[in-house]
Amino acid sequence: QVQLVESGGGLVQAGGSLRLSCAASGRTFGSYARGWFRQAPGKEREFVAALSWGGGTTYYADYVKGRFTISRDNAKNTVYLQMNNLKPEDTAVYYCAAGAALLTTAGAYVYWGQGTQVTVSS
């Protein structure tokens, strides 16, 4: 059974940092693009960042560019999201995903984790 499991969420003050991890099991995702999305209460799921299978190409949403960094360790089947200078508007449930194509739309991703809550206090 394929599973993506996120960890690293929590409560942090504005300006602080968190590092999210997404560990994959059940298959190898080395050839898959990996992405992070988030969903705040009452809002639609939105794109955060994505990374090609080799790690050479990255995409970021404008609202996180310069603050968040996506990376991966294929040997560990894990993708990371380093989040710095967090803002209250970053508060959301963060989801990791895996898909065959490096795209910024949620529909392009086949496998999803259960999500991890990130709360940024002002």
C-alpha atoms as a PDB file:
ATOM      1  CA  GLN A   1       0.000   0.000   0.000  1.00  0.00           C
ATOM      2  CA  VAL A   2       1.336   3.400  -0.979  1.00  0.00           C
ATOM      3  CA  GLN A   3       1.601   5.900   1.829  1.00  0.00           C
ATOM      4  CA  LEU A   4       2.847   9.438   2.197  1.00  0.00           C
ATOM      5  CA  VAL A   5       3.210  10.553   5.796  1.00  0.00           C
ATOM      6  CA  GLU A   6       3.868  14.164   6.722  1.00  0.00           C
ATOM      7  CA  SER A   7       5.460  15.316   9.956  1.00  0.00           C
ATOM      8  CA  GLY A   8       6.983  18.438  11.445  1.00  0.00           C
ATOM      9  CA  GLY A   9       3.953  20.655  11.738  1.00  0.00           C
ATOM     10  CA  GLY A  10       3.162  22.615  14.852  1.00  0.00           C
ATOM     11  CA  LEU A  11       2.635  26.007  16.428  1.00  0.00           C
ATOM     12  CA  VAL A  12       5.200  28.719  15.830  1.00  0.00           C
ATOM     13  CA  GLN A  13       5.351  32.462  16.266  1.00  0.00           C
ATOM     14  CA  ALA A  14       5.481  34.785  13.305  1.00  0.00           C
ATOM     15  CA  GLY A  15       9.015  35.016  11.994  1.00  0.00           C
ATOM     16  CA  GLY A  16       9.828  31.501  13.127  1.00  0.00           C
ATOM     17  CA  SER A  17      10.708  28.396  11.145  1.00  0.00           C
ATOM     18  CA  LEU A  18       9.473  24.857  10.695  1.00  0.00           C
ATOM     19  CA  ARG A  19      10.674  21.953   8.606  1.00  0.00           C
ATOM     20  CA  LEU A  20       8.099  19.571   7.227  1.00  0.00           C
ATOM     21  CA  SER A  21       8.987  16.066   6.135  1.00  0.00           C
ATOM     22  CA  CYS A  22       7.082  13.671   3.928  1.00  0.00           C
ATOM     23  CA  ALA A  23       8.162  10.068   4.008  1.00  0.00           C
ATOM     24  CA  ALA A  24       6.953   7.677   1.333  1.00  0.00           C
ATOM     25  CA  SER A  25       6.479   3.960   1.705  1.00  0.00           C
ATOM     26  CA  GLY A  26       5.029   1.186  -0.357  1.00  0.00           C
ATOM     27  CA  ARG A  27       6.827   2.133  -3.552  1.00  0.00           C
ATOM     28  CA  THR A  28       9.763   4.122  -4.782  1.00  0.00           C
ATOM     29  CA  PHE A  29       9.002   7.691  -5.752  1.00  0.00           C
ATOM     30  CA  GLY A  30      12.377   8.413  -7.209  1.00  0.00           C
ATOM     31  CA  SER A  31      10.932   9.085 -10.659  1.00  0.00           C
ATOM     32  CA  TYR A  32       7.970  11.095  -9.394  1.00  0.00           C
ATOM     33  CA  ALA A  33       7.642  14.823  -8.977  1.00  0.00           C
ATOM     34  CA  ARG A  34       6.857  15.819  -5.426  1.00  0.00           C
ATOM     35  CA  GLY A  35       4.768  18.719  -4.282  1.00  0.00           C
ATOM     36  CA  TRP A  36       3.491  20.546  -1.228  1.00  0.00           C
ATOM     37  CA  PHE A  37       0.045  22.073  -1.049  1.00  0.00           C
ATOM     38  CA  ARG A  38      -1.864  23.719   1.783  1.00  0.00           C
ATOM     39  CA  GLN A  39      -5.433  24.343   2.748  1.00  0.00           C
ATOM     40  CA  ALA A  40      -6.641  26.934   5.222  1.00  0.00           C
ATOM     41  CA  PRO A  41     -10.105  26.758   6.791  1.00  0.00           C
ATOM     42  CA  GLY A  42     -12.768  27.857   4.344  1.00  0.00           C
ATOM     43  CA  LYS A  43     -10.316  28.054   1.468  1.00  0.00           C
ATOM     44  CA  GLU A  44      -9.418  25.824  -1.431  1.00  0.00           C
ATOM     45  CA  ARG A  45      -6.259  23.777  -1.478  1.00  0.00           C
ATOM     46  CA  GLU A  46      -3.450  25.824  -2.977  1.00  0.00           C
ATOM     47  CA  PHE A  47      -0.051  25.093  -4.409  1.00  0.00           C
ATOM     48  CA  VAL A  48       3.029  25.810  -2.313  1.00  0.00           C
ATOM     49  CA  ALA A  49       6.079  24.223  -3.945  1.00  0.00           C
ATOM     50  CA  ALA A  50       7.092  21.375  -6.239  1.00  0.00           C
ATOM     51  CA  LEU A  51      10.281  19.567  -7.123  1.00  0.00           C
ATOM     52  CA  SER A  52      11.277  17.388 -10.058  1.00  0.00           C
ATOM     53  CA  TRP A  53      12.290  13.795  -9.494  1.00  0.00           C
ATOM     54  CA  GLY A  54      15.969  14.653  -9.835  1.00  0.00           C
ATOM     55  CA  GLY A  55      15.667  17.763  -7.715  1.00  0.00           C
ATOM     56  CA  GLY A  56      16.990  20.040 -10.440  1.00  0.00           C
ATOM     57  CA  THR A  57      13.785  21.942 -11.096  1.00  0.00           C
ATOM     58  CA  THR A  58      11.664  23.655  -8.481  1.00  0.00           C
ATOM     59  CA  TYR A  59       8.521  25.738  -8.558  1.00  0.00           C
ATOM     60  CA  TYR A  60       7.269  28.000  -5.796  1.00  0.00           C
ATOM     61  CA  ALA A  61       4.105  29.956  -5.290  1.00  0.00           C
ATOM     62  CA  ASP A  62       4.771  33.688  -5.215  1.00  0.00           C
ATOM     63  CA  TYR A  63       3.528  33.975  -1.659  1.00  0.00           C
ATOM     64  CA  VAL A  64       6.240  31.623  -0.329  1.00  0.00           C
ATOM     65  CA  LYS A  65       9.087  32.389  -2.715  1.00  0.00           C
ATOM     66  CA  GLY A  66      12.216  33.390  -0.863  1.00  0.00           C
ATOM     67  CA  ARG A  67      10.913  31.974   2.429  1.00  0.00           C
ATOM     68  CA  PHE A  68      10.259  28.287   1.712  1.00  0.00           C
ATOM     69  CA  THR A  69      12.615  25.702   0.244  1.00  0.00           C
ATOM     70  CA  ILE A  70      11.643  22.297  -1.078  1.00  0.00           C
ATOM     71  CA  SER A  71      14.184  19.496  -1.242  1.00  0.00           C
ATOM     72  CA  ARG A  72      14.272  15.727  -1.466  1.00  0.00           C
ATOM     73  CA  ASP A  73      16.359  12.760  -0.493  1.00  0.00           C
ATOM     74  CA  ASN A  74      15.555   9.963  -2.898  1.00  0.00           C
ATOM     75  CA  ALA A  75      17.618   7.470  -0.925  1.00  0.00           C
ATOM     76  CA  LYS A  76      15.238   8.049   1.979  1.00  0.00           C
ATOM     77  CA  ASN A  77      12.173   8.462  -0.229  1.00  0.00           C
ATOM     78  CA  THR A  78      11.545  11.699   1.619  1.00  0.00           C
ATOM     79  CA  VAL A  79      10.761  15.258   0.589  1.00  0.00           C
ATOM     80  CA  TYR A  80      11.173  18.285   2.843  1.00  0.00           C
ATOM     81  CA  LEU A  81       9.736  21.776   3.081  1.00  0.00           C
ATOM     82  CA  GLN A  82      11.858  24.236   5.004  1.00  0.00           C
ATOM     83  CA  MET A  83       9.690  27.176   5.998  1.00  0.00           C
ATOM     84  CA  ASN A  84      11.358  30.335   7.262  1.00  0.00           C
ATOM     85  CA  ASN A  85      10.000  33.740   8.249  1.00  0.00           C
ATOM     86  CA  LEU A  86       6.560  32.264   8.740  1.00  0.00           C
ATOM     87  CA  LYS A  87       3.545  34.539   8.684  1.00  0.00           C
ATOM     88  CA  PRO A  88       0.075  34.113  10.210  1.00  0.00           C
ATOM     89  CA  GLU A  89      -1.326  33.745   6.683  1.00  0.00           C
ATOM     90  CA  ASP A  90       0.778  30.595   6.290  1.00  0.00           C
ATOM     91  CA  THR A  91      -1.495  28.869   8.799  1.00  0.00           C
ATOM     92  CA  ALA A  92      -3.011  25.824   7.101  1.00  0.00           C
ATOM     93  CA  VAL A  93      -2.940  22.073   6.823  1.00  0.00           C
ATOM     94  CA  TYR A  94       0.031  21.179   4.650  1.00  0.00           C
ATOM     95  CA  TYR A  95      -0.153  18.186   2.331  1.00  0.00           C
ATOM     96  CA  CYS A  96       2.576  16.459   0.408  1.00  0.00           C
ATOM     97  CA  ALA A  97       1.880  14.776  -2.891  1.00  0.00           C
ATOM     98  CA  ALA A  98       3.548  12.702  -5.579  1.00  0.00           C
ATOM     99  CA  GLY A  99       2.791  12.635  -9.263  1.00  0.00           C
ATOM    100  CA  ALA A 100       4.224  11.750 -12.642  1.00  0.00           C
ATOM    101  CA  ALA A 101       4.384  15.327 -13.915  1.00  0.00           C
ATOM    102  CA  LEU A 102       5.971  18.398 -12.356  1.00  0.00           C
ATOM    103  CA  LEU A 103       2.980  20.699 -12.231  1.00  0.00           C
ATOM    104  CA  THR A 104       1.484  23.226  -9.863  1.00  0.00           C
ATOM    105  CA  THR A 105      -2.088  21.935  -9.965  1.00  0.00           C
ATOM    106  CA  ALA A 106      -3.399  19.517  -7.382  1.00  0.00           C
ATOM    107  CA  GLY A 107      -5.109  17.400 -10.011  1.00  0.00           C
ATOM    108  CA  ALA A 108      -1.747  16.381 -11.440  1.00  0.00           C
ATOM    109  CA  TYR A 109      -0.784  14.520  -8.274  1.00  0.00           C
ATOM    110  CA  VAL A 110      -1.878  10.960  -7.663  1.00  0.00           C
ATOM    111  CA  TYR A 111      -0.691  10.214  -4.156  1.00  0.00           C
ATOM    112  CA  TRP A 112      -1.416  12.371  -1.121  1.00  0.00           C
ATOM    113  CA  GLY A 113      -0.498  12.410   2.538  1.00  0.00           C
ATOM    114  CA  GLN A 114      -2.953  12.980   5.351  1.00  0.00           C
ATOM    115  CA  GLY A 115      -1.709  16.474   6.115  1.00  0.00           C
ATOM    116  CA  THR A 116       0.034  18.194   8.989  1.00  0.00           C
ATOM    117  CA  GLN A 117      -1.195  21.326  10.740  1.00  0.00           C
ATOM    118  CA  VAL A 118       0.933  24.450  10.724  1.00  0.00           C
ATOM    119  CA  THR A 119      -0.233  27.317  12.909  1.00  0.00           C
ATOM    120  CA  VAL A 120       1.559  30.649  12.962  1.00  0.00           C
ATOM    121  CA  SER A 121       0.656  33.037  15.747  1.00  0.00           C
ATOM    122  CA  SER A 122       1.057  36.787  15.453  1.00  0.00           C
END
